[in-house]
Amino acid sequence: MKMKAIVKPYRRPGLELHEVDKPVPADDEVLIRICKTAICGTDLHIYNWDEWSQATLKPPLTIGHEYVGVIEELGKNVKGLELGHVVSGEGHIVCWHCRNCRAGNMQWCRNTKGVGVNRDGAFAEYLCIPAINVINIGEDIDTDIVSFFDALGNATHTALMFDVIGEDVLVTGAGPIGIMAAAICKHNGARNVVITDMNEYRLDLAKKLGITSTVNIKTEKLEDIMPKKGLVEGFDVGLEMSGSINALKQMLKNMRNGGKIAQLGLFSSNTEINWNDIILKGLTIKGVYGRQMFETWYKMAAMVQSGLDLSQLVTHRFHYTQFKEAFDIMNTGNSGKIILNWSEI
């Protein structure tokens, strides 16, 4: 049988809608009927065919890894899951044999295969993944939000890396993941949350999610807002989400002695920093990758269920056949999360 899928068929910019073979689940896999998908920054990199994509992807490949769907078929060895359940899925397929996997640190598996990056993904009518990667979703969670739980997981993993209760938090980069991380810090009791960016649209979007302290670094100085917020010694916690070396340098300059930084943003090229800014301040910098399997999924669901409202982050919705228009909007930078509809829940 055939199905529709958004495919990277060639080694150049762009994507195409193709008919491909419908996947058949192996004994330990689950077939998911895709209902909604969300476009991620990774998907945009693939669409634009940048340096990272050229080094990582092997077309042809169905892309996409943010989704919500319904269990359509179970492999014969699958237990604990039921047909018709609303689900999403952890997008990192790990080996379960390396040292980190055996120690319970699967997010650091050296043999990880990414859904929609190293194997066929979710921008299709159906997706097969191992049953252990399937995440059951509660009936009380909006499926629009679930469609980008993968990205929310990145934000959650980063925002919860350090204790933020009563702390002053700086978030650099107001992309959707940065905005979600800022909202999580506020939800979890941070005293002040300040987010910086150069895109006024996204700073306005952050305000819609309740982040009132925004700084456009093109027209404002971060140092000017700090005294107004009672920051005497600097920020306690920094979340670097932009992958901008200038943002990291600004963060290092404005951290208090002994401060802690979680680094999620990926840098596009070699970078230079003054290590004395880290050493003499006694700073901690922690690299963050993906989600903590599978604890992060429980944490983000609990926060949404306890009042973390991300509904304003969804700015556009399209039918999957309109994916080119969706990617064009993504490329402007003037969007939050964009959802592609595939079928009914």
C-alpha atoms as a PDB file:
ATOM      1  CA  MET A   1       0.000   0.000   0.000  1.00  0.00           C
ATOM      2  CA  LYS A   2       1.032   3.585  -0.616  1.00  0.00           C
ATOM      3  CA  MET A   3       0.747   6.787   1.448  1.00  0.00           C
ATOM      4  CA  LYS A   4       1.493  10.486   1.073  1.00  0.00           C
ATOM      5  CA  ALA A   5       4.730  11.822   2.586  1.00  0.00           C
ATOM      6  CA  ILE A   6       6.818  14.995   2.538  1.00  0.00           C
ATOM      7  CA  VAL A   7      10.174  13.824   1.247  1.00  0.00           C
ATOM      8  CA  LYS A   8      13.690  15.149   0.799  1.00  0.00           C
ATOM      9  CA  PRO A   9      14.319  13.418  -2.557  1.00  0.00           C
ATOM     10  CA  TYR A  10      17.531  15.173  -3.611  1.00  0.00           C
ATOM     11  CA  ARG A  11      20.655  16.923  -2.345  1.00  0.00           C
ATOM     12  CA  ARG A  12      19.502  20.504  -2.884  1.00  0.00           C
ATOM     13  CA  PRO A  13      17.025  22.957  -1.301  1.00  0.00           C
ATOM     14  CA  GLY A  14      13.359  22.059  -1.168  1.00  0.00           C
ATOM     15  CA  LEU A  15      10.969  19.218  -0.346  1.00  0.00           C
ATOM     16  CA  GLU A  16       8.365  17.342  -2.367  1.00  0.00           C
ATOM     17  CA  LEU A  17       5.095  15.544  -1.670  1.00  0.00           C
ATOM     18  CA  HIS A  18       5.476  11.935  -2.835  1.00  0.00           C
ATOM     19  CA  GLU A  19       3.639   8.655  -2.713  1.00  0.00           C
ATOM     20  CA  VAL A  20       5.776   6.186  -0.780  1.00  0.00           C
ATOM     21  CA  ASP A  21       5.296   2.724   0.643  1.00  0.00           C
ATOM     22  CA  LYS A  22       3.183   2.609   3.786  1.00  0.00           C
ATOM     23  CA  PRO A  23       5.385   1.176   6.573  1.00  0.00           C
ATOM     24  CA  VAL A  24       4.654  -2.221   8.099  1.00  0.00           C
ATOM     25  CA  PRO A  25       5.427  -2.574  11.824  1.00  0.00           C
ATOM     26  CA  ALA A  26       7.973  -5.178  12.918  1.00  0.00           C
ATOM     27  CA  ASP A  27       7.204  -7.407  15.885  1.00  0.00           C
ATOM     28  CA  ASP A  28       8.343  -4.766  18.401  1.00  0.00           C
ATOM     29  CA  GLU A  29       7.028  -1.717  16.533  1.00  0.00           C
ATOM     30  CA  VAL A  30       3.841   0.342  16.402  1.00  0.00           C
ATOM     31  CA  LEU A  31       2.151   1.853  13.353  1.00  0.00           C
ATOM     32  CA  ILE A  32       0.844   5.357  14.080  1.00  0.00           C
ATOM     33  CA  ARG A  33      -1.690   7.189  11.923  1.00  0.00           C
ATOM     34  CA  ILE A  34      -0.427  10.755  11.893  1.00  0.00           C
ATOM     35  CA  CYS A  35      -2.981  13.446  12.740  1.00  0.00           C
ATOM     36  CA  LYS A  36      -0.927  16.605  13.244  1.00  0.00           C
ATOM     37  CA  THR A  37       2.732  17.493  12.800  1.00  0.00           C
ATOM     38  CA  ALA A  38       4.687  20.611  13.723  1.00  0.00           C
ATOM     39  CA  ILE A  39       7.590  22.084  11.792  1.00  0.00           C
ATOM     40  CA  CYS A  40      10.868  22.227  13.706  1.00  0.00           C
ATOM     41  CA  GLY A  41      13.997  24.265  13.108  1.00  0.00           C
ATOM     42  CA  THR A  42      15.683  21.024  12.083  1.00  0.00           C
ATOM     43  CA  ASP A  43      13.097  20.575   9.330  1.00  0.00           C
ATOM     44  CA  LEU A  44      13.833  24.104   8.134  1.00  0.00           C
ATOM     45  CA  HIS A  45      17.545  23.304   7.981  1.00  0.00           C
ATOM     46  CA  ILE A  46      16.683  20.290   5.821  1.00  0.00           C
ATOM     47  CA  TYR A  47      14.347  22.329   3.606  1.00  0.00           C
ATOM     48  CA  ASN A  48      17.071  24.932   3.046  1.00  0.00           C
ATOM     49  CA  TRP A  49      19.749  22.244   2.642  1.00  0.00           C
ATOM     50  CA  ASP A  50      22.331  23.998   4.811  1.00  0.00           C
ATOM     51  CA  GLU A  51      25.792  22.799   5.785  1.00  0.00           C
ATOM     52  CA  TRP A  52      24.500  20.645   8.649  1.00  0.00           C
ATOM     53  CA  SER A  53      21.891  18.955   6.424  1.00  0.00           C
ATOM     54  CA  GLN A  54      24.427  18.230   3.699  1.00  0.00           C
ATOM     55  CA  ALA A  55      26.701  16.509   6.206  1.00  0.00           C
ATOM     56  CA  THR A  56      23.935  14.590   7.993  1.00  0.00           C
ATOM     57  CA  LEU A  57      21.137  13.486   5.646  1.00  0.00           C
ATOM     58  CA  LYS A  58      21.126  10.748   3.053  1.00  0.00           C
ATOM     59  CA  PRO A  59      18.191  11.398   0.684  1.00  0.00           C
ATOM     60  CA  PRO A  60      15.672  10.178  -0.223  1.00  0.00           C
ATOM     61  CA  LEU A  61      14.115  10.526   3.234  1.00  0.00           C
ATOM     62  CA  THR A  62      10.723  11.338   4.727  1.00  0.00           C
ATOM     63  CA  ILE A  63      11.363  14.138   7.222  1.00  0.00           C
ATOM     64  CA  GLY A  64       9.623  15.316  10.414  1.00  0.00           C
ATOM     65  CA  HIS A  65       9.750  14.326  14.077  1.00  0.00           C
ATOM     66  CA  GLU A  66       7.141  16.447  15.890  1.00  0.00           C
ATOM     67  CA  TYR A  67       3.713  14.817  15.769  1.00  0.00           C
ATOM     68  CA  VAL A  68       0.606  13.470  17.413  1.00  0.00           C
ATOM     69  CA  GLY A  69      -1.352  10.510  16.099  1.00  0.00           C
ATOM     70  CA  VAL A  70      -3.382   7.423  16.860  1.00  0.00           C
ATOM     71  CA  ILE A  71      -2.175   3.838  17.191  1.00  0.00           C
ATOM     72  CA  GLU A  72      -3.279   2.006  14.061  1.00  0.00           C
ATOM     73  CA  GLU A  73      -1.494  -1.355  14.382  1.00  0.00           C
ATOM     74  CA  LEU A  74       0.637  -3.199  16.941  1.00  0.00           C
ATOM     75  CA  GLY A  75       3.493  -5.573  16.277  1.00  0.00           C
ATOM     76  CA  LYS A  76       2.810  -9.082  17.603  1.00  0.00           C
ATOM     77  CA  ASN A  77       5.214  -8.704  20.554  1.00  0.00           C
ATOM     78  CA  VAL A  78       3.936  -5.289  21.688  1.00  0.00           C
ATOM     79  CA  LYS A  79       2.271  -5.121  25.096  1.00  0.00           C
ATOM     80  CA  GLY A  80       0.908  -2.257  27.191  1.00  0.00           C
ATOM     81  CA  LEU A  81      -0.398  -0.215  24.250  1.00  0.00           C
ATOM     82  CA  GLU A  82      -3.853  -0.229  22.702  1.00  0.00           C
ATOM     83  CA  LEU A  83      -5.313   0.482  19.284  1.00  0.00           C
ATOM     84  CA  GLY A  84      -6.900   3.913  19.011  1.00  0.00           C
ATOM     85  CA  HIS A  85      -4.854   5.566  21.759  1.00  0.00           C
ATOM     86  CA  VAL A  86      -3.623   9.092  21.120  1.00  0.00           C
ATOM     87  CA  VAL A  87       0.178   9.064  21.183  1.00  0.00           C
ATOM     88  CA  SER A  88       3.344  10.887  20.340  1.00  0.00           C
ATOM     89  CA  GLY A  89       6.845   9.460  20.362  1.00  0.00           C
ATOM     90  CA  GLU A  90      10.421   9.987  21.471  1.00  0.00           C
ATOM     91  CA  GLY A  91      12.324  10.814  18.295  1.00  0.00           C
ATOM     92  CA  HIS A  92      15.666   9.300  19.312  1.00  0.00           C
ATOM     93  CA  ILE A  93      15.935   5.611  18.500  1.00  0.00           C
ATOM     94  CA  VAL A  94      18.724   4.301  20.714  1.00  0.00           C
ATOM     95  CA  CYS A  95      20.723   1.068  20.755  1.00  0.00           C
ATOM     96  CA  TRP A  96      20.053  -0.040  24.367  1.00  0.00           C
ATOM     97  CA  HIS A  97      23.501  -1.687  24.426  1.00  0.00           C
ATOM     98  CA  CYS A  98      26.089   1.093  24.864  1.00  0.00           C
ATOM     99  CA  ARG A  99      27.329   2.217  28.265  1.00  0.00           C
ATOM    100  CA  ASN A 100      25.012   5.224  28.468  1.00  0.00           C
ATOM    101  CA  CYS A 101      21.934   3.232  27.484  1.00  0.00           C
ATOM    102  CA  ARG A 102      22.705   0.549  30.053  1.00  0.00           C
ATOM    103  CA  ALA A 103      23.221   3.259  32.688  1.00  0.00           C
ATOM    104  CA  GLY A 104      19.830   4.839  31.958  1.00  0.00           C
ATOM    105  CA  ASN A 105      21.291   7.818  30.086  1.00  0.00           C
ATOM    106  CA  MET A 106      19.778   7.003  26.717  1.00  0.00           C
ATOM    107  CA  GLN A 107      19.788  10.668  25.623  1.00  0.00           C
ATOM    108  CA  TRP A 108      23.581  10.294  25.282  1.00  0.00           C
ATOM    109  CA  CYS A 109      23.507   7.070  23.248  1.00  0.00           C
ATOM    110  CA  ARG A 110      26.376   7.183  20.773  1.00  0.00           C
ATOM    111  CA  ASN A 111      24.368   5.143  18.256  1.00  0.00           C
ATOM    112  CA  THR A 112      21.204   7.291  18.220  1.00  0.00           C
ATOM    113  CA  LYS A 113      19.135   7.360  15.042  1.00  0.00           C
ATOM    114  CA  GLY A 114      16.883  10.392  14.714  1.00  0.00           C
ATOM    115  CA  VAL A 115      13.345  10.038  13.357  1.00  0.00           C
ATOM    116  CA  GLY A 116      13.101  12.223  10.268  1.00  0.00           C
ATOM    117  CA  VAL A 117      16.869  12.667  10.137  1.00  0.00           C
ATOM    118  CA  ASN A 118      18.543   9.251  10.059  1.00  0.00           C
ATOM    119  CA  ARG A 119      15.388   7.232   9.321  1.00  0.00           C
ATOM    120  CA  ASP A 120      12.013   8.016   7.778  1.00  0.00           C
ATOM    121  CA  GLY A 121       9.986  10.481   9.795  1.00  0.00           C
ATOM    122  CA  ALA A 122       6.528  11.681  10.693  1.00  0.00           C
ATOM    123  CA  PHE A 123       5.622  14.058   7.846  1.00  0.00           C
ATOM    124  CA  ALA A 124       3.523  11.293   6.363  1.00  0.00           C
ATOM    125  CA  GLU A 125       0.168   9.644   6.774  1.00  0.00           C
ATOM    126  CA  TYR A 126       1.753   6.842   8.825  1.00  0.00           C
ATOM    127  CA  LEU A 127       4.866   6.317  10.934  1.00  0.00           C
ATOM    128  CA  CYS A 128       6.471   3.189  12.412  1.00  0.00           C
ATOM    129  CA  ILE A 129       8.589   3.444  15.563  1.00  0.00           C
ATOM    130  CA  PRO A 130       9.669   0.971  18.263  1.00  0.00           C
ATOM    131  CA  ALA A 131       6.946   0.454  20.856  1.00  0.00           C
ATOM    132  CA  ILE A 132       9.257   1.583  23.665  1.00  0.00           C
ATOM    133  CA  ASN A 133       9.452   5.037  22.029  1.00  0.00           C
ATOM    134  CA  VAL A 134       5.676   5.506  21.978  1.00  0.00           C
ATOM    135  CA  ILE A 135       4.296   8.028  24.507  1.00  0.00           C
ATOM    136  CA  ASN A 136       0.653   7.703  25.592  1.00  0.00           C
ATOM    137  CA  ILE A 137      -1.088  11.084  25.818  1.00  0.00           C
ATOM    138  CA  GLY A 138      -3.753  12.024  28.360  1.00  0.00           C
ATOM    139  CA  GLU A 139      -7.185  13.004  27.089  1.00  0.00           C
ATOM    140  CA  ASP A 140      -6.928  16.360  28.885  1.00  0.00           C
ATOM    141  CA  ILE A 141      -3.993  17.659  26.793  1.00  0.00           C
ATOM    142  CA  ASP A 142      -4.686  19.709  23.655  1.00  0.00           C
ATOM    143  CA  THR A 143      -3.426  17.791  20.620  1.00  0.00           C
ATOM    144  CA  ASP A 144      -2.134  21.027  19.058  1.00  0.00           C
ATOM    145  CA  ILE A 145       0.311  21.225  21.967  1.00  0.00           C
ATOM    146  CA  VAL A 146       1.125  17.526  21.772  1.00  0.00           C
ATOM    147  CA  SER A 147       2.098  17.936  18.120  1.00  0.00           C
ATOM    148  CA  PHE A 148       5.223  19.806  19.264  1.00  0.00           C
ATOM    149  CA  PHE A 149       5.913  17.902  22.501  1.00  0.00           C
ATOM    150  CA  ASP A 150       9.272  16.884  21.026  1.00  0.00           C
ATOM    151  CA  ALA A 151      10.324  20.565  20.921  1.00  0.00           C
ATOM    152  CA  LEU A 152       8.719  21.250  24.289  1.00  0.00           C
ATOM    153  CA  GLY A 153      10.884  18.409  25.584  1.00  0.00           C
ATOM    154  CA  ASN A 154      14.027  20.240  24.497  1.00  0.00           C
ATOM    155  CA  ALA A 155      12.814  23.374  26.270  1.00  0.00           C
ATOM    156  CA  THR A 156      11.861  21.398  29.376  1.00  0.00           C
ATOM    157  CA  HIS A 157      15.163  19.527  29.563  1.00  0.00           C
ATOM    158  CA  THR A 158      17.039  22.828  29.318  1.00  0.00           C
ATOM    159  CA  ALA A 159      14.832  24.866  31.659  1.00  0.00           C
ATOM    160  CA  LEU A 160      14.885  22.182  34.370  1.00  0.00           C
ATOM    161  CA  MET A 161      18.637  21.581  34.164  1.00  0.00           C
ATOM    162  CA  PHE A 162      19.144  23.884  37.161  1.00  0.00           C
ATOM    163  CA  ASP A 163      16.910  24.980  40.041  1.00  0.00           C
ATOM    164  CA  VAL A 164      15.112  28.203  39.038  1.00  0.00           C
ATOM    165  CA  ILE A 165      12.866  28.720  42.074  1.00  0.00           C
ATOM    166  CA  GLY A 166      13.359  32.300  43.230  1.00  0.00           C
ATOM    167  CA  GLU A 167      16.192  32.794  40.725  1.00  0.00           C
ATOM    168  CA  ASP A 168      16.828  35.401  38.044  1.00  0.00           C
ATOM    169  CA  VAL A 169      16.943  33.707  34.633  1.00  0.00           C
ATOM    170  CA  LEU A 170      18.301  34.987  31.330  1.00  0.00           C
ATOM    171  CA  VAL A 171      17.132  33.289  28.122  1.00  0.00           C
ATOM    172  CA  THR A 172      18.983  34.203  24.922  1.00  0.00           C
ATOM    173  CA  GLY A 173      17.035  33.377  21.763  1.00  0.00           C
ATOM    174  CA  ALA A 174      13.264  33.852  21.418  1.00  0.00           C
ATOM    175  CA  GLY A 175      12.612  31.073  18.963  1.00  0.00           C
ATOM    176  CA  PRO A 176       9.740  28.762  19.931  1.00  0.00           C
ATOM    177  CA  ILE A 177      11.985  26.582  22.130  1.00  0.00           C
ATOM    178  CA  GLY A 178      13.481  29.612  23.868  1.00  0.00           C
ATOM    179  CA  ILE A 179      10.027  31.074  24.507  1.00  0.00           C
ATOM    180  CA  MET A 180       8.814  27.763  25.907  1.00  0.00           C
ATOM    181  CA  ALA A 181      11.874  27.511  28.159  1.00  0.00           C
ATOM    182  CA  ALA A 182      11.208  31.010  29.480  1.00  0.00           C
ATOM    183  CA  ALA A 183       7.559  30.144  30.125  1.00  0.00           C
ATOM    184  CA  ILE A 184       8.612  26.995  31.971  1.00  0.00           C
ATOM    185  CA  CYS A 185      10.959  28.965  34.233  1.00  0.00           C
ATOM    186  CA  LYS A 186       8.175  31.402  35.065  1.00  0.00           C
ATOM    187  CA  HIS A 187       5.729  28.536  35.664  1.00  0.00           C
ATOM    188  CA  ASN A 188       8.213  26.888  38.018  1.00  0.00           C
ATOM    189  CA  GLY A 189       8.811  29.891  40.252  1.00  0.00           C
ATOM    190  CA  ALA A 190      11.661  31.974  38.835  1.00  0.00           C
ATOM    191  CA  ARG A 191      11.775  35.502  40.285  1.00  0.00           C
ATOM    192  CA  ASN A 192      12.651  37.207  37.002  1.00  0.00           C
ATOM    193  CA  VAL A 193      12.756  35.790  33.482  1.00  0.00           C
ATOM    194  CA  VAL A 194      14.351  37.990  30.817  1.00  0.00           C
ATOM    195  CA  ILE A 195      14.476  36.900  27.169  1.00  0.00           C
ATOM    196  CA  THR A 196      16.578  38.528  24.430  1.00  0.00           C
ATOM    197  CA  ASP A 197      16.432  38.413  20.645  1.00  0.00           C
ATOM    198  CA  MET A 198      16.717  40.607  17.555  1.00  0.00           C
ATOM    199  CA  ASN A 199      13.297  39.673  16.127  1.00  0.00           C
ATOM    200  CA  GLU A 200      10.503  41.899  17.438  1.00  0.00           C
ATOM    201  CA  TYR A 201       7.797  39.492  16.200  1.00  0.00           C
ATOM    202  CA  ARG A 202       9.135  36.712  18.400  1.00  0.00           C
ATOM    203  CA  LEU A 203       9.668  38.994  21.381  1.00  0.00           C
ATOM    204  CA  ASP A 204       6.014  40.023  21.033  1.00  0.00           C
ATOM    205  CA  LEU A 205       5.106  36.343  20.899  1.00  0.00           C
ATOM    206  CA  ALA A 206       7.015  35.795  24.141  1.00  0.00           C
ATOM    207  CA  LYS A 207       4.941  38.539  25.742  1.00  0.00           C
ATOM    208  CA  LYS A 208       1.761  36.713  24.709  1.00  0.00           C
ATOM    209  CA  LEU A 209       3.017  33.748  26.722  1.00  0.00           C
ATOM    210  CA  GLY A 210       3.515  35.941  29.776  1.00  0.00           C
ATOM    211  CA  ILE A 211       7.214  36.806  29.452  1.00  0.00           C
ATOM    212  CA  THR A 212       6.991  40.538  30.119  1.00  0.00           C
ATOM    213  CA  SER A 213      10.748  41.246  30.329  1.00  0.00           C
ATOM    214  CA  THR A 214      11.927  41.186  26.715  1.00  0.00           C
ATOM    215  CA  VAL A 215      15.011  42.872  25.278  1.00  0.00           C
ATOM    216  CA  ASN A 216      15.599  43.580  21.591  1.00  0.00           C
ATOM    217  CA  ILE A 217      19.386  43.704  21.550  1.00  0.00           C
ATOM    218  CA  LYS A 218      19.344  45.752  18.331  1.00  0.00           C
ATOM    219  CA  THR A 219      17.703  48.715  20.073  1.00  0.00           C
ATOM    220  CA  GLU A 220      18.023  48.032  23.822  1.00  0.00           C
ATOM    221  CA  LYS A 221      20.747  47.158  26.286  1.00  0.00           C
ATOM    222  CA  LEU A 222      20.331  44.183  28.580  1.00  0.00           C
ATOM    223  CA  GLU A 223      22.351  46.020  31.229  1.00  0.00           C
ATOM    224  CA  ASP A 224      19.717  48.773  31.347  1.00  0.00           C
ATOM    225  CA  ILE A 225      16.889  46.438  32.360  1.00  0.00           C
ATOM    226  CA  MET A 226      18.816  44.550  35.047  1.00  0.00           C
ATOM    227  CA  PRO A 227      18.706  47.259  37.780  1.00  0.00           C
ATOM    228  CA  LYS A 228      14.974  47.713  37.166  1.00  0.00           C
ATOM    229  CA  LYS A 229      14.501  44.024  37.983  1.00  0.00           C
ATOM    230  CA  GLY A 230      16.596  44.140  41.124  1.00  0.00           C
ATOM    231  CA  LEU A 231      19.554  42.285  39.635  1.00  0.00           C
ATOM    232  CA  VAL A 232      22.537  43.483  41.630  1.00  0.00           C
ATOM    233  CA  GLU A 233      25.131  40.780  40.978  1.00  0.00           C
ATOM    234  CA  GLY A 234      23.875  39.351  37.683  1.00  0.00           C
ATOM    235  CA  PHE A 235      21.733  36.437  36.527  1.00  0.00           C
ATOM    236  CA  ASP A 236      21.677  33.204  38.510  1.00  0.00           C
ATOM    237  CA  VAL A 237      20.734  30.904  35.631  1.00  0.00           C
ATOM    238  CA  GLY A 238      21.264  31.315  31.898  1.00  0.00           C
ATOM    239  CA  LEU A 239      19.579  29.348  29.118  1.00  0.00           C
ATOM    240  CA  GLU A 240      21.417  29.855  25.815  1.00  0.00           C
ATOM    241  CA  MET A 241      18.966  28.820  23.086  1.00  0.00           C
ATOM    242  CA  SER A 242      20.109  30.863  20.085  1.00  0.00           C
ATOM    243  CA  GLY A 243      23.403  29.297  18.996  1.00  0.00           C
ATOM    244  CA  SER A 244      24.798  32.830  18.665  1.00  0.00           C
ATOM    245  CA  ILE A 245      28.321  33.361  19.964  1.00  0.00           C
ATOM    246  CA  ASN A 246      27.502  37.024  20.627  1.00  0.00           C
ATOM    247  CA  ALA A 247      24.524  35.957  22.757  1.00  0.00           C
ATOM    248  CA  LEU A 248      26.732  33.579  24.740  1.00  0.00           C
ATOM    249  CA  LYS A 249      29.347  36.294  25.294  1.00  0.00           C
ATOM    250  CA  GLN A 250      26.651  38.672  26.525  1.00  0.00           C
ATOM    251  CA  MET A 251      25.350  35.978  28.852  1.00  0.00           C
ATOM    252  CA  LEU A 252      28.809  35.266  30.286  1.00  0.00           C
ATOM    253  CA  LYS A 253      29.303  38.975  30.939  1.00  0.00           C
ATOM    254  CA  ASN A 254      26.043  39.300  32.868  1.00  0.00           C
ATOM    255  CA  MET A 255      26.076  36.136  34.999  1.00  0.00           C
ATOM    256  CA  ARG A 256      26.723  36.421  38.717  1.00  0.00           C
ATOM    257  CA  ASN A 257      29.732  34.665  40.198  1.00  0.00           C
ATOM    258  CA  GLY A 258      28.877  30.987  40.597  1.00  0.00           C
ATOM    259  CA  GLY A 259      26.072  31.195  38.040  1.00  0.00           C
ATOM    260  CA  LYS A 260      24.923  28.255  35.919  1.00  0.00           C
ATOM    261  CA  ILE A 261      24.331  28.109  32.158  1.00  0.00           C
ATOM    262  CA  ALA A 262      22.455  25.443  30.176  1.00  0.00           C
ATOM    263  CA  GLN A 263      23.588  25.476  26.530  1.00  0.00           C
ATOM    264  CA  LEU A 264      21.066  24.121  24.005  1.00  0.00           C
ATOM    265  CA  GLY A 265      21.794  26.325  20.974  1.00  0.00           C
ATOM    266  CA  LEU A 266      24.149  24.795  18.406  1.00  0.00           C
ATOM    267  CA  PHE A 267      26.864  26.994  16.945  1.00  0.00           C
ATOM    268  CA  SER A 268      27.262  26.970  13.181  1.00  0.00           C
ATOM    269  CA  SER A 269      31.047  27.342  13.164  1.00  0.00           C
ATOM    270  CA  ASN A 270      34.087  27.440  15.418  1.00  0.00           C
ATOM    271  CA  THR A 271      33.682  30.026  18.172  1.00  0.00           C
ATOM    272  CA  GLU A 272      36.012  31.906  20.442  1.00  0.00           C
ATOM    273  CA  ILE A 273      35.214  32.970  23.984  1.00  0.00           C
ATOM    274  CA  ASN A 274      37.296  34.412  26.779  1.00  0.00           C
ATOM    275  CA  TRP A 275      37.653  31.437  29.111  1.00  0.00           C
ATOM    276  CA  ASN A 276      38.629  33.774  31.925  1.00  0.00           C
ATOM    277  CA  ASP A 277      34.998  34.932  31.981  1.00  0.00           C
ATOM    278  CA  ILE A 278      34.091  31.372  32.961  1.00  0.00           C
ATOM    279  CA  ILE A 279      37.039  30.510  35.210  1.00  0.00           C
ATOM    280  CA  LEU A 280      37.216  33.675  37.291  1.00  0.00           C
ATOM    281  CA  LYS A 281      33.449  33.722  37.833  1.00  0.00           C
ATOM    282  CA  GLY A 282      33.309  30.025  38.692  1.00  0.00           C
ATOM    283  CA  LEU A 283      30.546  29.452  36.146  1.00  0.00           C
ATOM    284  CA  THR A 284      29.023  26.084  35.311  1.00  0.00           C
ATOM    285  CA  ILE A 285      28.155  25.429  31.644  1.00  0.00           C
ATOM    286  CA  LYS A 286      26.110  22.322  30.903  1.00  0.00           C
ATOM    287  CA  GLY A 287      25.512  21.109  27.363  1.00  0.00           C
ATOM    288  CA  VAL A 288      21.939  19.940  26.728  1.00  0.00           C
ATOM    289  CA  TYR A 289      20.841  17.565  23.986  1.00  0.00           C
ATOM    290  CA  GLY A 290      17.310  16.395  23.262  1.00  0.00           C
ATOM    291  CA  ARG A 291      15.202  15.114  26.106  1.00  0.00           C
ATOM    292  CA  GLN A 292      15.979  12.988  29.137  1.00  0.00           C
ATOM    293  CA  MET A 293      14.484   9.670  28.123  1.00  0.00           C
ATOM    294  CA  PHE A 294      11.812   9.322  29.315  1.00  0.00           C
ATOM    295  CA  GLU A 295      11.494  11.510  32.393  1.00  0.00           C
ATOM    296  CA  THR A 296      11.216  14.758  30.419  1.00  0.00           C
ATOM    297  CA  TRP A 297       7.977  13.524  28.804  1.00  0.00           C
ATOM    298  CA  TYR A 298       6.352  13.085  32.224  1.00  0.00           C
ATOM    299  CA  LYS A 299       7.551  16.499  33.379  1.00  0.00           C
ATOM    300  CA  MET A 300       6.226  18.416  30.370  1.00  0.00           C
ATOM    301  CA  ALA A 301       2.856  16.662  30.449  1.00  0.00           C
ATOM    302  CA  ALA A 302       2.535  17.470  34.153  1.00  0.00           C
ATOM    303  CA  MET A 303       3.349  21.146  33.580  1.00  0.00           C
ATOM    304  CA  VAL A 304       0.778  21.469  30.789  1.00  0.00           C
ATOM    305  CA  GLN A 305      -1.801  19.722  32.974  1.00  0.00           C
ATOM    306  CA  SER A 306      -1.003  22.086  35.866  1.00  0.00           C
ATOM    307  CA  GLY A 307      -1.524  25.255  33.858  1.00  0.00           C
ATOM    308  CA  LEU A 308       1.439  25.889  31.560  1.00  0.00           C
ATOM    309  CA  ASP A 309      -0.436  27.531  28.660  1.00  0.00           C
ATOM    310  CA  LEU A 310       1.386  27.318  25.311  1.00  0.00           C
ATOM    311  CA  SER A 311      -1.627  27.820  23.068  1.00  0.00           C
ATOM    312  CA  GLN A 312      -0.495  31.290  21.926  1.00  0.00           C
ATOM    313  CA  LEU A 313       2.704  29.766  20.530  1.00  0.00           C
ATOM    314  CA  VAL A 314       0.756  28.232  17.616  1.00  0.00           C
ATOM    315  CA  THR A 315       0.626  30.968  14.974  1.00  0.00           C
ATOM    316  CA  HIS A 316      -0.218  29.109  11.758  1.00  0.00           C
ATOM    317  CA  ARG A 317      -2.069  25.966  10.678  1.00  0.00           C
ATOM    318  CA  PHE A 318      -2.008  24.384   7.216  1.00  0.00           C
ATOM    319  CA  HIS A 319      -3.111  21.229   5.452  1.00  0.00           C
ATOM    320  CA  TYR A 320      -0.042  19.101   4.780  1.00  0.00           C
ATOM    321  CA  THR A 321      -0.372  19.724   1.033  1.00  0.00           C
ATOM    322  CA  GLN A 322       0.399  23.421   1.759  1.00  0.00           C
ATOM    323  CA  PHE A 323       3.780  22.616   3.309  1.00  0.00           C
ATOM    324  CA  LYS A 324       5.716  24.901   0.947  1.00  0.00           C
ATOM    325  CA  GLU A 325       3.743  27.926   2.105  1.00  0.00           C
ATOM    326  CA  ALA A 326       4.377  26.873   5.702  1.00  0.00           C
ATOM    327  CA  PHE A 327       8.134  26.605   5.166  1.00  0.00           C
ATOM    328  CA  ASP A 328       8.215  29.966   3.392  1.00  0.00           C
ATOM    329  CA  ILE A 329       6.653  31.556   6.471  1.00  0.00           C
ATOM    330  CA  MET A 330       9.122  29.739   8.723  1.00  0.00           C
ATOM    331  CA  ASN A 331      11.971  31.206   6.693  1.00  0.00           C
ATOM    332  CA  THR A 332      10.800  34.759   7.443  1.00  0.00           C
ATOM    333  CA  GLY A 333      11.308  34.210  11.169  1.00  0.00           C
ATOM    334  CA  ASN A 334       7.864  35.689  11.800  1.00  0.00           C
ATOM    335  CA  SER A 335       6.123  32.642  13.193  1.00  0.00           C
ATOM    336  CA  GLY A 336       5.791  30.518  16.256  1.00  0.00           C
ATOM    337  CA  LYS A 337       4.906  26.865  15.880  1.00  0.00           C
ATOM    338  CA  ILE A 338       3.342  25.934  12.536  1.00  0.00           C
ATOM    339  CA  ILE A 339       1.078  22.884  12.478  1.00  0.00           C
ATOM    340  CA  LEU A 340       0.378  20.673   9.452  1.00  0.00           C
ATOM    341  CA  ASN A 341      -2.914  18.755   9.584  1.00  0.00           C
ATOM    342  CA  TRP A 342      -2.953  15.179   8.202  1.00  0.00           C
ATOM    343  CA  SER A 343      -6.087  13.462   9.549  1.00  0.00           C
ATOM    344  CA  GLU A 344      -8.689  13.652  12.292  1.00  0.00           C
ATOM    345  CA  ILE A 345      -7.994  12.548  15.863  1.00  0.00           C
END
